[in-house]
Amino acid sequence: MVKGLVGTLLSVTSAVAVAGAVVAAPSAANAAAPSSALAVVAANTPATLSSTAKPHLIKYKIYWGRCKDTCRVKVRITNISRTTLYAVSLNARLKVNGKKVGSCYDYVGTIRAKHSRWGGCTVRTRTLSNMWNRWLDGEIRFDRDVNTVVHYEYYR
């Protein structure tokens, strides 16, 4: 039985929601405490994680193939859990100089526990080709960046 669909992002920030801490009003004994002390207490109170956080069962690394007027994105996906992952798929969004130039999709399949598989796709768009031609003419820089999302299902 499928328990849930879990996705993870490559970026450093996690998809975990963080709840803020609540500070109670001072009691009558602490009425003389300045209001700045409450701000210090609120800033030093640890935040709690939301109960909706899903486990991250994979890790992956991005490799670049040829990236000129077409761009090949290759991703090594490793299952770090003890469960088999089913219906693993990869979405990649390619940006050049902060501008989205295209995206691609790949179905990877099943990844057994503690094993790895390769996924990859090629971005071919007119925008990417135009950006490459502008770089060849010396008009712009060609700083590529990719944001990938991996979706999978697992059973408990």
N, C-alpha and C. Protein backbone atom coordinates (compact mmCIF):
# COMPACT_ATOMS: atom_id res chain seq x y z
N MET A 1 0.84 -1.18 0.00
CA MET A 1 0.00 0.00 0.00
C MET A 1 0.89 1.24 0.00
N VAL A 2 0.58 2.19 -0.83
CA VAL A 2 1.37 3.40 -0.94
C VAL A 2 1.06 4.30 0.25
N LYS A 3 2.09 4.69 0.99
CA LYS A 3 1.90 5.56 2.14
C LYS A 3 2.02 7.02 1.77
N GLY A 4 2.77 7.36 0.74
CA GLY A 4 2.87 8.77 0.40
C GLY A 4 3.89 9.03 -0.68
N LEU A 5 3.76 10.16 -1.29
CA LEU A 5 4.70 10.60 -2.30
C LEU A 5 5.61 11.61 -1.64
N VAL A 6 6.91 11.38 -1.74
CA VAL A 6 7.87 12.23 -1.07
C VAL A 6 8.78 12.83 -2.12
N GLY A 7 9.01 14.12 -2.08
CA GLY A 7 9.92 14.78 -3.00
C GLY A 7 10.99 15.52 -2.23
N THR A 8 12.11 15.77 -2.86
CA THR A 8 13.17 16.51 -2.20
C THR A 8 13.80 17.47 -3.20
N LEU A 9 14.32 18.55 -2.72
CA LEU A 9 14.92 19.56 -3.55
C LEU A 9 16.43 19.52 -3.41
N LEU A 10 17.12 19.96 -4.44
CA LEU A 10 18.57 19.98 -4.40
C LEU A 10 19.11 21.16 -3.61
N SER A 11 18.37 22.23 -3.53
CA SER A 11 18.88 23.44 -2.90
C SER A 11 19.21 23.19 -1.43
N VAL A 12 20.01 24.08 -0.88
CA VAL A 12 20.46 23.93 0.50
C VAL A 12 19.30 24.05 1.46
N THR A 13 18.34 24.88 1.17
CA THR A 13 17.19 25.02 2.06
C THR A 13 16.32 23.79 1.95
N SER A 14 15.82 23.33 3.06
CA SER A 14 15.02 22.12 3.10
C SER A 14 13.55 22.47 2.89
N ALA A 15 12.77 21.48 2.54
CA ALA A 15 11.35 21.68 2.35
C ALA A 15 10.60 21.50 3.65
N VAL A 16 11.27 21.65 4.77
CA VAL A 16 10.68 21.46 6.09
C VAL A 16 10.13 22.79 6.57
N ALA A 17 8.90 22.79 7.01
CA ALA A 17 8.31 24.02 7.54
C ALA A 17 8.76 24.21 8.97
N VAL A 18 9.11 25.44 9.32
CA VAL A 18 9.58 25.73 10.66
C VAL A 18 8.55 26.62 11.34
N ALA A 19 8.13 26.20 12.52
CA ALA A 19 7.14 26.97 13.27
C ALA A 19 7.87 27.91 14.22
N GLY A 20 7.36 29.10 14.37
CA GLY A 20 7.97 30.10 15.26
C GLY A 20 7.66 29.80 16.70
N ALA A 21 8.48 30.30 17.60
CA ALA A 21 8.28 30.10 19.03
C ALA A 21 7.38 31.20 19.57
N VAL A 22 6.59 30.86 20.57
CA VAL A 22 5.68 31.80 21.19
C VAL A 22 6.21 32.10 22.58
N VAL A 23 6.28 33.38 22.94
CA VAL A 23 6.77 33.80 24.25
C VAL A 23 5.58 34.33 25.04
N ALA A 24 5.43 33.84 26.26
CA ALA A 24 4.31 34.26 27.10
C ALA A 24 4.58 35.65 27.67
N ALA A 25 3.52 36.33 28.08
CA ALA A 25 3.65 37.65 28.68
C ALA A 25 4.33 37.51 30.04
N PRO A 26 5.04 38.53 30.49
CA PRO A 26 5.74 38.44 31.77
C PRO A 26 4.74 38.39 32.92
N SER A 27 5.12 37.68 33.98
CA SER A 27 4.27 37.59 35.16
C SER A 27 4.43 38.85 36.00
N ALA A 28 3.66 38.97 37.06
CA ALA A 28 3.72 40.15 37.92
C ALA A 28 5.09 40.29 38.57
N ALA A 29 5.76 39.17 38.87
CA ALA A 29 7.07 39.22 39.51
C ALA A 29 8.12 39.76 38.56
N ASN A 30 7.94 39.55 37.25
CA ASN A 30 8.91 40.01 36.25
C ASN A 30 8.42 41.27 35.54
N ALA A 31 7.51 41.99 36.12
CA ALA A 31 6.95 43.16 35.46
C ALA A 31 7.99 44.25 35.25
N ALA A 32 9.05 44.27 36.05
CA ALA A 32 10.08 45.28 35.94
C ALA A 32 11.07 44.97 34.82
N ALA A 33 10.98 43.80 34.21
CA ALA A 33 11.92 43.42 33.16
C ALA A 33 11.67 44.27 31.92
N PRO A 34 12.71 44.77 31.30
CA PRO A 34 12.52 45.60 30.11
C PRO A 34 12.00 44.77 28.94
N SER A 35 11.36 45.42 27.98
CA SER A 35 10.78 44.72 26.84
C SER A 35 11.85 44.14 25.93
N SER A 36 13.07 44.70 25.96
CA SER A 36 14.14 44.15 25.14
C SER A 36 14.55 42.76 25.61
N ALA A 37 14.36 42.46 26.88
CA ALA A 37 14.68 41.12 27.40
C ALA A 37 13.75 40.09 26.76
N LEU A 38 12.49 40.47 26.50
CA LEU A 38 11.57 39.54 25.86
C LEU A 38 12.01 39.24 24.43
N ALA A 39 12.55 40.24 23.75
CA ALA A 39 13.02 40.02 22.39
C ALA A 39 14.21 39.07 22.37
N VAL A 40 15.07 39.16 23.39
CA VAL A 40 16.22 38.26 23.47
C VAL A 40 15.75 36.84 23.73
N VAL A 41 14.75 36.68 24.60
CA VAL A 41 14.22 35.35 24.90
C VAL A 41 13.58 34.77 23.64
N ALA A 42 12.83 35.60 22.88
CA ALA A 42 12.18 35.11 21.66
C ALA A 42 13.21 34.73 20.61
N ALA A 43 14.31 35.47 20.53
CA ALA A 43 15.32 35.17 19.53
C ALA A 43 16.11 33.92 19.89
N ASN A 44 16.27 33.64 21.19
CA ASN A 44 17.06 32.49 21.61
C ASN A 44 16.24 31.23 21.80
N THR A 45 14.93 31.31 21.70
CA THR A 45 14.08 30.13 21.85
C THR A 45 14.20 29.27 20.59
N PRO A 46 14.50 27.97 20.72
CA PRO A 46 14.66 27.13 19.53
C PRO A 46 13.34 26.92 18.82
N ALA A 47 13.39 26.93 17.51
CA ALA A 47 12.19 26.67 16.70
C ALA A 47 11.94 25.18 16.65
N THR A 48 10.68 24.80 16.57
CA THR A 48 10.32 23.39 16.49
C THR A 48 9.99 23.04 15.05
N LEU A 49 10.26 21.81 14.65
CA LEU A 49 9.95 21.36 13.30
C LEU A 49 8.50 20.94 13.22
N SER A 50 7.92 21.17 12.09
CA SER A 50 6.54 20.79 11.87
C SER A 50 6.42 19.27 11.79
N SER A 51 5.30 18.72 12.19
CA SER A 51 5.10 17.28 12.16
C SER A 51 4.85 16.77 10.74
N THR A 52 4.74 17.67 9.75
CA THR A 52 4.48 17.25 8.38
C THR A 52 5.76 16.99 7.60
N ALA A 53 6.93 17.06 8.24
CA ALA A 53 8.19 16.84 7.54
C ALA A 53 8.31 15.38 7.13
N LYS A 54 8.66 15.16 5.87
CA LYS A 54 8.80 13.81 5.33
C LYS A 54 10.27 13.40 5.38
N PRO A 55 10.55 12.11 5.48
CA PRO A 55 11.95 11.67 5.49
C PRO A 55 12.58 11.80 4.10
N HIS A 56 13.83 12.16 4.06
CA HIS A 56 14.56 12.23 2.81
C HIS A 56 15.30 10.91 2.64
N LEU A 57 14.87 10.11 1.68
CA LEU A 57 15.41 8.77 1.51
C LEU A 57 16.46 8.68 0.42
N ILE A 58 16.77 9.79 -0.23
CA ILE A 58 17.72 9.75 -1.33
C ILE A 58 18.75 10.86 -1.18
N LYS A 59 19.85 10.70 -1.88
CA LYS A 59 20.79 11.78 -2.10
C LYS A 59 21.20 11.70 -3.56
N TYR A 60 21.58 12.82 -4.13
CA TYR A 60 21.95 12.78 -5.53
C TYR A 60 22.95 13.86 -5.86
N LYS A 61 23.65 13.65 -6.97
CA LYS A 61 24.67 14.58 -7.43
C LYS A 61 24.43 14.84 -8.91
N ILE A 62 24.62 16.10 -9.30
CA ILE A 62 24.39 16.52 -10.68
C ILE A 62 25.71 16.54 -11.43
N TYR A 63 25.68 16.00 -12.64
CA TYR A 63 26.82 16.04 -13.55
C TYR A 63 26.37 16.71 -14.84
N TRP A 64 27.29 17.40 -15.49
CA TRP A 64 26.98 18.06 -16.75
C TRP A 64 27.56 17.27 -17.90
N GLY A 65 26.77 17.10 -18.92
CA GLY A 65 27.26 16.58 -20.18
C GLY A 65 27.59 17.78 -21.06
N ARG A 66 27.42 17.63 -22.34
CA ARG A 66 27.62 18.74 -23.26
C ARG A 66 26.59 19.82 -22.95
N CYS A 67 27.03 21.08 -22.83
CA CYS A 67 26.11 22.16 -22.54
C CYS A 67 26.47 23.37 -23.39
N LYS A 68 25.93 23.40 -24.59
CA LYS A 68 26.13 24.52 -25.50
C LYS A 68 24.75 24.97 -25.97
N ASP A 69 24.41 24.74 -27.23
CA ASP A 69 23.07 25.09 -27.69
C ASP A 69 22.04 24.07 -27.22
N THR A 70 22.50 22.88 -26.81
CA THR A 70 21.67 21.91 -26.08
C THR A 70 22.44 21.54 -24.82
N CYS A 71 21.73 21.20 -23.76
CA CYS A 71 22.37 20.92 -22.49
C CYS A 71 21.96 19.54 -21.98
N ARG A 72 22.94 18.71 -21.68
CA ARG A 72 22.70 17.38 -21.12
C ARG A 72 22.91 17.43 -19.62
N VAL A 73 21.88 17.07 -18.84
CA VAL A 73 21.94 17.04 -17.39
C VAL A 73 21.88 15.58 -16.96
N LYS A 74 22.89 15.13 -16.20
CA LYS A 74 22.92 13.76 -15.71
C LYS A 74 22.91 13.80 -14.19
N VAL A 75 22.13 12.91 -13.56
CA VAL A 75 21.99 12.90 -12.12
C VAL A 75 22.19 11.47 -11.61
N ARG A 76 23.06 11.32 -10.63
CA ARG A 76 23.29 10.03 -9.96
C ARG A 76 22.43 10.02 -8.71
N ILE A 77 21.38 9.17 -8.67
CA ILE A 77 20.43 9.12 -7.55
C ILE A 77 20.75 7.89 -6.71
N THR A 78 20.99 8.10 -5.42
CA THR A 78 21.34 7.01 -4.50
C THR A 78 20.24 6.87 -3.46
N ASN A 79 19.74 5.66 -3.29
CA ASN A 79 18.74 5.35 -2.26
C ASN A 79 19.50 5.08 -0.97
N ILE A 80 19.36 5.92 0.04
CA ILE A 80 20.09 5.75 1.29
C ILE A 80 19.23 5.10 2.37
N SER A 81 18.05 4.65 2.01
CA SER A 81 17.16 4.03 2.99
C SER A 81 17.25 2.50 2.90
N ARG A 82 16.47 1.86 3.74
CA ARG A 82 16.40 0.39 3.74
C ARG A 82 15.17 -0.11 3.01
N THR A 83 14.46 0.79 2.36
CA THR A 83 13.27 0.41 1.62
C THR A 83 13.49 0.63 0.12
N THR A 84 12.74 -0.11 -0.67
CA THR A 84 12.81 0.06 -2.13
C THR A 84 11.96 1.26 -2.54
N LEU A 85 12.49 2.08 -3.41
CA LEU A 85 11.77 3.25 -3.92
C LEU A 85 11.20 2.93 -5.29
N TYR A 86 9.95 3.27 -5.49
CA TYR A 86 9.26 2.97 -6.73
C TYR A 86 8.91 4.26 -7.46
N ALA A 87 8.76 4.17 -8.76
CA ALA A 87 8.31 5.28 -9.61
C ALA A 87 9.16 6.53 -9.38
N VAL A 88 10.47 6.37 -9.43
CA VAL A 88 11.38 7.50 -9.25
C VAL A 88 11.43 8.28 -10.56
N SER A 89 11.23 9.59 -10.46
CA SER A 89 11.29 10.44 -11.65
C SER A 89 12.07 11.71 -11.33
N LEU A 90 12.61 12.31 -12.37
CA LEU A 90 13.49 13.46 -12.24
C LEU A 90 12.97 14.61 -13.09
N ASN A 91 12.87 15.79 -12.51
CA ASN A 91 12.55 17.02 -13.23
C ASN A 91 13.74 17.96 -13.09
N ALA A 92 14.19 18.55 -14.18
CA ALA A 92 15.31 19.49 -14.13
C ALA A 92 14.90 20.78 -14.79
N ARG A 93 15.18 21.90 -14.12
CA ARG A 93 14.91 23.23 -14.66
C ARG A 93 16.25 23.94 -14.82
N LEU A 94 16.59 24.27 -16.05
CA LEU A 94 17.88 24.87 -16.38
C LEU A 94 17.77 26.38 -16.46
N LYS A 95 18.73 27.06 -15.82
CA LYS A 95 18.80 28.51 -15.88
C LYS A 95 20.18 28.92 -16.36
N VAL A 96 20.23 29.95 -17.17
CA VAL A 96 21.49 30.55 -17.61
C VAL A 96 21.43 32.02 -17.21
N ASN A 97 22.39 32.44 -16.41
CA ASN A 97 22.45 33.82 -15.89
C ASN A 97 21.16 34.19 -15.15
N GLY A 98 20.55 33.22 -14.46
CA GLY A 98 19.35 33.48 -13.70
C GLY A 98 18.06 33.45 -14.49
N LYS A 99 18.14 33.25 -15.80
CA LYS A 99 16.94 33.21 -16.65
C LYS A 99 16.63 31.77 -17.02
N LYS A 100 15.37 31.37 -16.86
CA LYS A 100 14.98 30.01 -17.19
C LYS A 100 15.04 29.82 -18.70
N VAL A 101 15.80 28.81 -19.12
CA VAL A 101 15.95 28.57 -20.55
C VAL A 101 15.32 27.25 -20.97
N GLY A 102 14.84 26.45 -20.02
CA GLY A 102 14.19 25.20 -20.40
C GLY A 102 14.14 24.22 -19.25
N SER A 103 13.41 23.16 -19.46
CA SER A 103 13.31 22.11 -18.46
C SER A 103 13.17 20.77 -19.18
N CYS A 104 13.43 19.70 -18.44
CA CYS A 104 13.30 18.36 -19.01
C CYS A 104 12.89 17.39 -17.92
N TYR A 105 12.50 16.19 -18.32
CA TYR A 105 11.93 15.19 -17.43
C TYR A 105 12.51 13.83 -17.79
N ASP A 106 12.70 12.99 -16.77
CA ASP A 106 13.15 11.62 -17.01
C ASP A 106 12.52 10.69 -15.98
N TYR A 107 12.06 9.54 -16.43
CA TYR A 107 11.56 8.50 -15.53
C TYR A 107 12.71 7.53 -15.26
N VAL A 108 13.09 7.40 -13.99
CA VAL A 108 14.24 6.57 -13.63
C VAL A 108 13.83 5.14 -13.34
N GLY A 109 12.70 4.93 -12.67
CA GLY A 109 12.22 3.58 -12.37
C GLY A 109 12.34 3.25 -10.90
N THR A 110 12.66 2.01 -10.59
CA THR A 110 12.76 1.52 -9.22
C THR A 110 14.22 1.52 -8.78
N ILE A 111 14.46 1.93 -7.53
CA ILE A 111 15.80 1.88 -6.95
C ILE A 111 15.73 1.03 -5.69
N ARG A 112 16.47 -0.06 -5.67
CA ARG A 112 16.50 -0.94 -4.50
C ARG A 112 17.23 -0.26 -3.35
N ALA A 113 17.07 -0.81 -2.16
CA ALA A 113 17.70 -0.26 -0.96
C ALA A 113 19.22 -0.23 -1.10
N LYS A 114 19.83 0.90 -0.73
CA LYS A 114 21.28 1.11 -0.74
C LYS A 114 21.90 0.98 -2.13
N HIS A 115 21.13 1.19 -3.19
CA HIS A 115 21.64 1.13 -4.55
C HIS A 115 21.49 2.49 -5.23
N SER A 116 22.09 2.62 -6.41
CA SER A 116 22.06 3.87 -7.16
C SER A 116 21.60 3.62 -8.59
N ARG A 117 21.07 4.68 -9.20
CA ARG A 117 20.72 4.65 -10.62
C ARG A 117 21.01 6.02 -11.21
N TRP A 118 21.22 6.03 -12.50
CA TRP A 118 21.47 7.26 -13.24
C TRP A 118 20.18 7.72 -13.89
N GLY A 119 19.96 9.02 -13.87
CA GLY A 119 18.88 9.64 -14.61
C GLY A 119 19.46 10.80 -15.39
N GLY A 120 18.88 11.09 -16.51
CA GLY A 120 19.40 12.19 -17.29
C GLY A 120 18.42 12.64 -18.35
N CYS A 121 18.55 13.88 -18.76
CA CYS A 121 17.69 14.42 -19.80
C CYS A 121 18.42 15.55 -20.51
N THR A 122 17.91 15.94 -21.66
CA THR A 122 18.53 16.96 -22.48
C THR A 122 17.56 18.11 -22.68
N VAL A 123 18.06 19.33 -22.46
CA VAL A 123 17.26 20.53 -22.68
C VAL A 123 17.61 21.07 -24.07
N ARG A 124 16.60 21.22 -24.92
CA ARG A 124 16.77 21.77 -26.26
C ARG A 124 15.69 22.82 -26.46
N THR A 125 16.06 24.09 -26.33
CA THR A 125 15.08 25.15 -26.53
C THR A 125 15.69 26.27 -27.37
N ARG A 126 14.83 27.07 -27.95
CA ARG A 126 15.28 28.21 -28.72
C ARG A 126 15.95 29.24 -27.81
N THR A 127 15.44 29.40 -26.58
CA THR A 127 16.02 30.35 -25.65
C THR A 127 17.45 29.97 -25.30
N LEU A 128 17.69 28.68 -25.06
CA LEU A 128 19.05 28.22 -24.76
C LEU A 128 19.97 28.44 -25.95
N SER A 129 19.50 28.16 -27.13
CA SER A 129 20.30 28.37 -28.33
C SER A 129 20.63 29.85 -28.53
N ASN A 130 19.66 30.72 -28.29
CA ASN A 130 19.90 32.16 -28.42
C ASN A 130 20.90 32.66 -27.38
N MET A 131 20.79 32.15 -26.15
CA MET A 131 21.75 32.55 -25.11
C MET A 131 23.15 32.07 -25.48
N TRP A 132 23.29 30.87 -26.04
CA TRP A 132 24.60 30.36 -26.45
C TRP A 132 25.19 31.23 -27.57
N ASN A 133 24.35 31.62 -28.54
CA ASN A 133 24.82 32.48 -29.63
C ASN A 133 25.25 33.85 -29.11
N ARG A 134 24.52 34.40 -28.14
CA ARG A 134 24.91 35.68 -27.55
C ARG A 134 26.23 35.56 -26.81
N TRP A 135 26.47 34.40 -26.15
CA TRP A 135 27.75 34.18 -25.47
C TRP A 135 28.89 34.08 -26.50
N LEU A 136 28.64 33.40 -27.61
CA LEU A 136 29.66 33.30 -28.66
C LEU A 136 30.02 34.68 -29.23
N ASP A 137 29.03 35.58 -29.29
CA ASP A 137 29.27 36.93 -29.79
C ASP A 137 29.92 37.84 -28.75
N GLY A 138 30.06 37.34 -27.50
CA GLY A 138 30.69 38.13 -26.45
C GLY A 138 29.77 39.12 -25.76
N GLU A 139 28.46 38.96 -25.91
CA GLU A 139 27.51 39.89 -25.32
C GLU A 139 27.22 39.58 -23.85
N ILE A 140 27.18 38.30 -23.49
CA ILE A 140 26.79 37.90 -22.13
C ILE A 140 27.73 36.83 -21.61
N ARG A 141 27.62 36.58 -20.31
CA ARG A 141 28.28 35.42 -19.72
C ARG A 141 27.35 34.22 -19.87
N PHE A 142 27.88 33.02 -19.66
CA PHE A 142 27.07 31.80 -19.78
C PHE A 142 27.22 31.00 -18.49
N ASP A 143 26.60 31.51 -17.41
CA ASP A 143 26.65 30.85 -16.11
C ASP A 143 25.42 29.97 -15.98
N ARG A 144 25.61 28.68 -16.10
CA ARG A 144 24.48 27.75 -16.06
C ARG A 144 24.24 27.29 -14.63
N ASP A 145 23.00 26.98 -14.35
CA ASP A 145 22.58 26.50 -13.03
C ASP A 145 21.38 25.61 -13.27
N VAL A 146 21.27 24.54 -12.50
CA VAL A 146 20.14 23.64 -12.67
C VAL A 146 19.51 23.38 -11.32
N ASN A 147 18.19 23.34 -11.30
CA ASN A 147 17.43 23.02 -10.10
C ASN A 147 16.69 21.73 -10.39
N THR A 148 16.96 20.68 -9.63
CA THR A 148 16.35 19.39 -9.89
C THR A 148 15.41 19.00 -8.76
N VAL A 149 14.37 18.27 -9.11
CA VAL A 149 13.43 17.72 -8.14
C VAL A 149 13.26 16.25 -8.46
N VAL A 150 13.38 15.39 -7.45
CA VAL A 150 13.21 13.95 -7.62
C VAL A 150 11.99 13.51 -6.83
N HIS A 151 11.06 12.86 -7.50
CA HIS A 151 9.85 12.34 -6.85
C HIS A 151 9.95 10.81 -6.78
N TYR A 152 9.40 10.25 -5.70
CA TYR A 152 9.41 8.80 -5.57
C TYR A 152 8.29 8.36 -4.62
N GLU A 153 7.99 7.09 -4.67
CA GLU A 153 7.03 6.47 -3.77
C GLU A 153 7.72 5.35 -3.01
N TYR A 154 7.24 5.10 -1.79
CA TYR A 154 7.79 3.98 -1.03
C TYR A 154 6.68 3.36 -0.20
N TYR A 155 6.91 2.12 0.19
CA TYR A 155 5.94 1.35 0.95
C TYR A 155 6.49 1.06 2.33
N ARG A 156 5.62 1.07 3.32
CA ARG A 156 6.05 0.73 4.68
C ARG A 156 5.56 -0.62 5.06
